[in-house]
Amino acid sequence: MRSTQLLILFLALVFACSVNAQFRKIDTVGKMGDVGFKVFCANKKIDNNPITISPVGFKGSARPGYFNLKGVVTKIAVDDFNDDGFPDLVVFVYSGDSTEKGNVIAICSHENTDIIPAYFTDIYNDPKLRIGYRGHDVFTVFAGTLLRTFPIYKPEDTDTPTGGKRVVQYKIMTGEGGSLMFKMLRTYEKQE
């Protein structure tokens, strides 16, 4: 009887730890030099998850931004994604379900006096990139660019992808009306 109780307690602790590890709170600062961003997200509710982004070391009227997002924040990165010499923030957000579909929230510094959002386009908007896409995104930063890597599922694949991996490289550029957005620089596929 005692061993059964210990086993149940052990399994409950393992389950609780895995849930906490998957949805852990984000409270961090990312900087380039003395300037950057503080990000706080409790990651308590996937459907309505409040996040606060505060500028750090800015000279002007930049104020913290507070909004709700859908998904789980996993990490942040700060780099110069638009080649203007000032820090930009990317926040990696995942769907929180088994597909782990990724998204990016981006904030750019405007000469360390104000902040401007940069838009990350949905992968489903690109007919070539969305072929074989079912989530499981991994985001990395490389020399001022953002890399998105995900497995490619062939039409006959069920749970295990067999089409290799697709890597998409993005850079923040000025779009229509002066808005900032991630544009694809290049994409390639690799077999495993």
Protein backbone atom coordinates (compact mmCIF):
# COMPACT_ATOMS: atom_id res chain seq x y z
CA MET A 1 0.00 0.00 0.00
CA ARG A 2 2.79 2.42 0.95
CA SER A 3 4.66 1.80 -2.32
CA THR A 4 1.48 2.56 -4.28
CA GLN A 5 1.04 5.85 -2.43
CA LEU A 6 4.67 6.78 -3.08
CA LEU A 7 4.29 5.94 -6.76
CA ILE A 8 1.16 8.11 -7.03
CA LEU A 9 2.93 10.98 -5.25
CA PHE A 10 5.97 10.64 -7.51
CA LEU A 11 3.82 10.64 -10.67
CA ALA A 12 1.88 13.69 -9.44
CA LEU A 13 5.15 15.56 -8.81
CA VAL A 14 6.53 14.62 -12.23
CA PHE A 15 3.32 15.80 -13.90
CA ALA A 16 3.31 19.07 -11.94
CA CYS A 17 6.96 19.73 -12.81
CA SER A 18 6.39 19.07 -16.50
CA VAL A 19 3.42 21.46 -16.58
CA ASN A 20 5.42 24.16 -14.78
CA ALA A 21 8.38 23.68 -17.10
CA GLN A 22 6.17 24.04 -20.16
CA PHE A 23 4.38 27.17 -18.91
CA ARG A 24 7.01 28.90 -16.82
CA LYS A 25 6.84 32.60 -16.13
CA ILE A 26 9.02 34.92 -18.24
CA ASP A 27 10.55 37.84 -16.34
CA THR A 28 13.71 38.91 -18.12
CA VAL A 29 15.68 41.80 -19.61
CA GLY A 30 17.44 41.74 -22.99
CA LYS A 31 19.90 44.49 -23.90
CA MET A 32 22.35 45.75 -26.49
CA GLY A 33 24.79 47.80 -24.46
CA ASP A 34 22.80 49.81 -21.90
CA VAL A 35 19.53 49.85 -23.86
CA GLY A 36 16.95 47.13 -24.26
CA PHE A 37 13.64 45.73 -23.08
CA LYS A 38 12.18 44.14 -19.95
CA VAL A 39 9.55 41.48 -20.63
CA PHE A 40 7.14 39.99 -18.11
CA CYS A 41 4.56 37.31 -18.86
CA ALA A 42 3.06 35.00 -16.22
CA ASN A 43 2.04 32.38 -18.85
CA LYS A 44 -1.02 31.37 -16.83
CA LYS A 45 -3.72 31.31 -19.52
CA ILE A 46 -3.01 30.28 -23.10
CA ASP A 47 -6.13 31.97 -24.53
CA ASN A 48 -5.69 35.29 -22.70
CA ASN A 49 -2.08 35.73 -21.65
CA PRO A 50 -1.12 39.27 -20.50
CA ILE A 51 2.39 40.49 -21.38
CA THR A 52 4.22 43.68 -20.41
CA ILE A 53 7.12 45.04 -22.48
CA SER A 54 9.04 47.95 -20.96
CA PRO A 55 11.85 49.92 -22.62
CA VAL A 56 15.09 50.03 -20.59
CA GLY A 57 17.57 52.91 -20.93
CA PHE A 58 15.54 54.82 -23.52
CA LYS A 59 15.95 58.62 -23.60
CA GLY A 60 12.53 59.72 -24.82
CA SER A 61 8.89 59.15 -24.12
CA ALA A 62 8.84 55.38 -24.68
CA ARG A 63 6.41 53.80 -22.25
CA PRO A 64 5.69 50.21 -21.26
CA GLY A 65 3.25 48.31 -23.44
CA TYR A 66 0.70 45.96 -21.96
CA PHE A 67 -1.51 43.65 -24.04
CA ASN A 68 -3.00 40.17 -24.11
CA LEU A 69 -1.77 37.49 -26.46
CA LYS A 70 -2.84 34.00 -27.37
CA GLY A 71 -0.18 31.41 -26.65
CA VAL A 72 2.79 30.85 -24.36
CA VAL A 73 5.90 33.05 -24.29
CA THR A 74 9.03 30.87 -24.24
CA LYS A 75 11.94 33.29 -24.64
CA ILE A 76 13.08 36.64 -26.00
CA ALA A 77 16.00 37.90 -28.05
CA VAL A 78 17.43 41.38 -28.63
CA ASP A 79 19.43 42.26 -31.74
CA ASP A 80 19.46 44.87 -34.50
CA PHE A 81 17.00 43.23 -36.90
CA ASN A 82 16.58 46.30 -39.17
CA ASP A 83 20.22 47.48 -39.38
CA ASP A 84 19.60 50.94 -37.88
CA GLY A 85 22.11 50.54 -35.01
CA PHE A 86 19.43 50.34 -32.28
CA PRO A 87 18.13 47.30 -30.36
CA ASP A 88 15.03 45.44 -31.46
CA LEU A 89 13.11 42.86 -29.43
CA VAL A 90 11.59 39.57 -30.57
CA VAL A 91 9.32 37.57 -28.29
CA PHE A 92 8.75 33.93 -29.21
CA VAL A 93 5.16 32.78 -28.68
CA TYR A 94 3.93 29.20 -29.12
CA SER A 95 0.41 27.83 -29.44
CA GLY A 96 0.75 25.83 -26.20
CA ASP A 97 -0.66 22.66 -27.71
CA SER A 98 0.99 19.58 -29.21
CA THR A 99 1.64 21.31 -32.58
CA GLU A 100 3.75 24.08 -30.98
CA LYS A 101 3.04 26.48 -33.82
CA GLY A 102 5.27 29.50 -33.39
CA ASN A 103 4.74 33.20 -33.78
CA VAL A 104 6.87 36.28 -33.15
CA ILE A 105 6.04 39.60 -31.54
CA ALA A 106 8.61 42.24 -32.47
CA ILE A 107 9.27 45.73 -31.10
CA CYS A 108 11.85 48.04 -32.69
CA SER A 109 13.64 50.94 -31.08
CA HIS A 110 13.28 54.25 -32.89
CA GLU A 111 16.63 55.87 -32.04
CA ASN A 112 16.21 54.80 -28.38
CA THR A 113 13.47 57.40 -27.90
CA ASP A 114 10.33 55.49 -28.86
CA ILE A 115 9.20 51.97 -29.79
CA ILE A 116 7.53 50.77 -32.99
CA PRO A 117 5.92 47.35 -33.63
CA ALA A 118 7.20 45.16 -36.45
CA TYR A 119 4.83 42.64 -37.98
CA PHE A 120 5.60 38.95 -38.46
CA THR A 121 3.54 37.49 -41.29
CA ASP A 122 1.60 34.26 -40.85
CA ILE A 123 3.29 31.35 -42.59
CA TYR A 124 -0.07 30.33 -44.07
CA ASN A 125 -0.03 33.54 -46.16
CA ASP A 126 2.83 32.15 -48.27
CA PRO A 127 1.70 29.31 -50.57
CA LYS A 128 5.24 27.90 -50.92
CA LEU A 129 6.28 28.03 -47.26
CA ARG A 130 3.07 26.51 -45.89
CA ILE A 131 3.47 23.28 -47.90
CA GLY A 132 4.18 20.56 -45.34
CA TYR A 133 3.94 22.93 -42.36
CA ARG A 134 2.35 21.56 -39.17
CA GLY A 135 4.18 23.54 -36.50
CA HIS A 136 7.06 22.46 -34.25
CA ASP A 137 8.88 25.74 -35.00
CA VAL A 138 12.33 26.51 -33.64
CA PHE A 139 13.42 30.16 -33.74
CA THR A 140 17.03 31.32 -33.55
CA VAL A 141 18.82 34.61 -34.09
CA PHE A 142 21.75 34.82 -36.48
CA ALA A 143 23.69 38.03 -37.23
CA GLY A 144 20.71 40.38 -37.05
CA THR A 145 18.33 37.97 -38.79
CA LEU A 146 15.68 35.60 -37.52
CA LEU A 147 15.74 31.92 -38.51
CA ARG A 148 12.63 29.76 -38.35
CA THR A 149 13.18 26.00 -38.69
CA PHE A 150 10.40 23.42 -38.81
CA PRO A 151 9.90 19.83 -39.97
CA ILE A 152 8.24 19.22 -43.34
CA TYR A 153 5.36 16.77 -43.37
CA LYS A 154 4.62 14.91 -46.58
CA PRO A 155 0.91 14.35 -47.37
CA GLU A 156 1.12 10.70 -46.30
CA ASP A 157 2.86 11.50 -42.97
CA THR A 158 0.79 11.13 -39.83
CA ASP A 159 2.72 11.87 -36.62
CA THR A 160 6.32 11.67 -37.86
CA PRO A 161 7.58 14.07 -40.53
CA THR A 162 9.65 12.53 -43.32
CA GLY A 163 10.27 15.54 -45.57
CA GLY A 164 13.34 16.95 -43.82
CA LYS A 165 13.40 20.49 -42.44
CA ARG A 166 12.71 23.90 -43.89
CA VAL A 167 14.71 26.95 -42.75
CA VAL A 168 13.38 30.45 -43.40
CA GLN A 169 15.56 33.52 -42.82
CA TYR A 170 13.86 36.86 -42.08
CA LYS A 171 14.95 40.49 -41.70
CA ILE A 172 12.91 43.52 -40.56
CA MET A 173 12.33 45.96 -43.44
CA THR A 174 10.09 48.93 -44.10
CA GLY A 175 6.84 47.98 -45.78
CA GLU A 176 3.87 49.84 -47.19
CA GLY A 177 3.02 53.08 -45.42
CA GLY A 178 6.31 53.00 -43.52
CA SER A 179 5.32 50.07 -41.29
CA LEU A 180 8.01 47.64 -40.20
CA MET A 181 7.67 43.96 -41.03
CA PHE A 182 9.70 40.79 -41.28
CA LYS A 183 10.48 39.95 -44.89
CA MET A 184 11.85 36.61 -46.02
CA LEU A 185 15.45 36.81 -47.23
CA ARG A 186 15.77 33.19 -48.26
CA THR A 187 14.60 29.70 -47.55
CA TYR A 188 16.13 26.28 -48.00
CA GLU A 189 15.35 22.69 -47.19
CA LYS A 190 17.63 20.10 -45.67
CA GLN A 191 17.28 16.35 -45.37
CA GLU A 192 18.11 14.56 -42.16
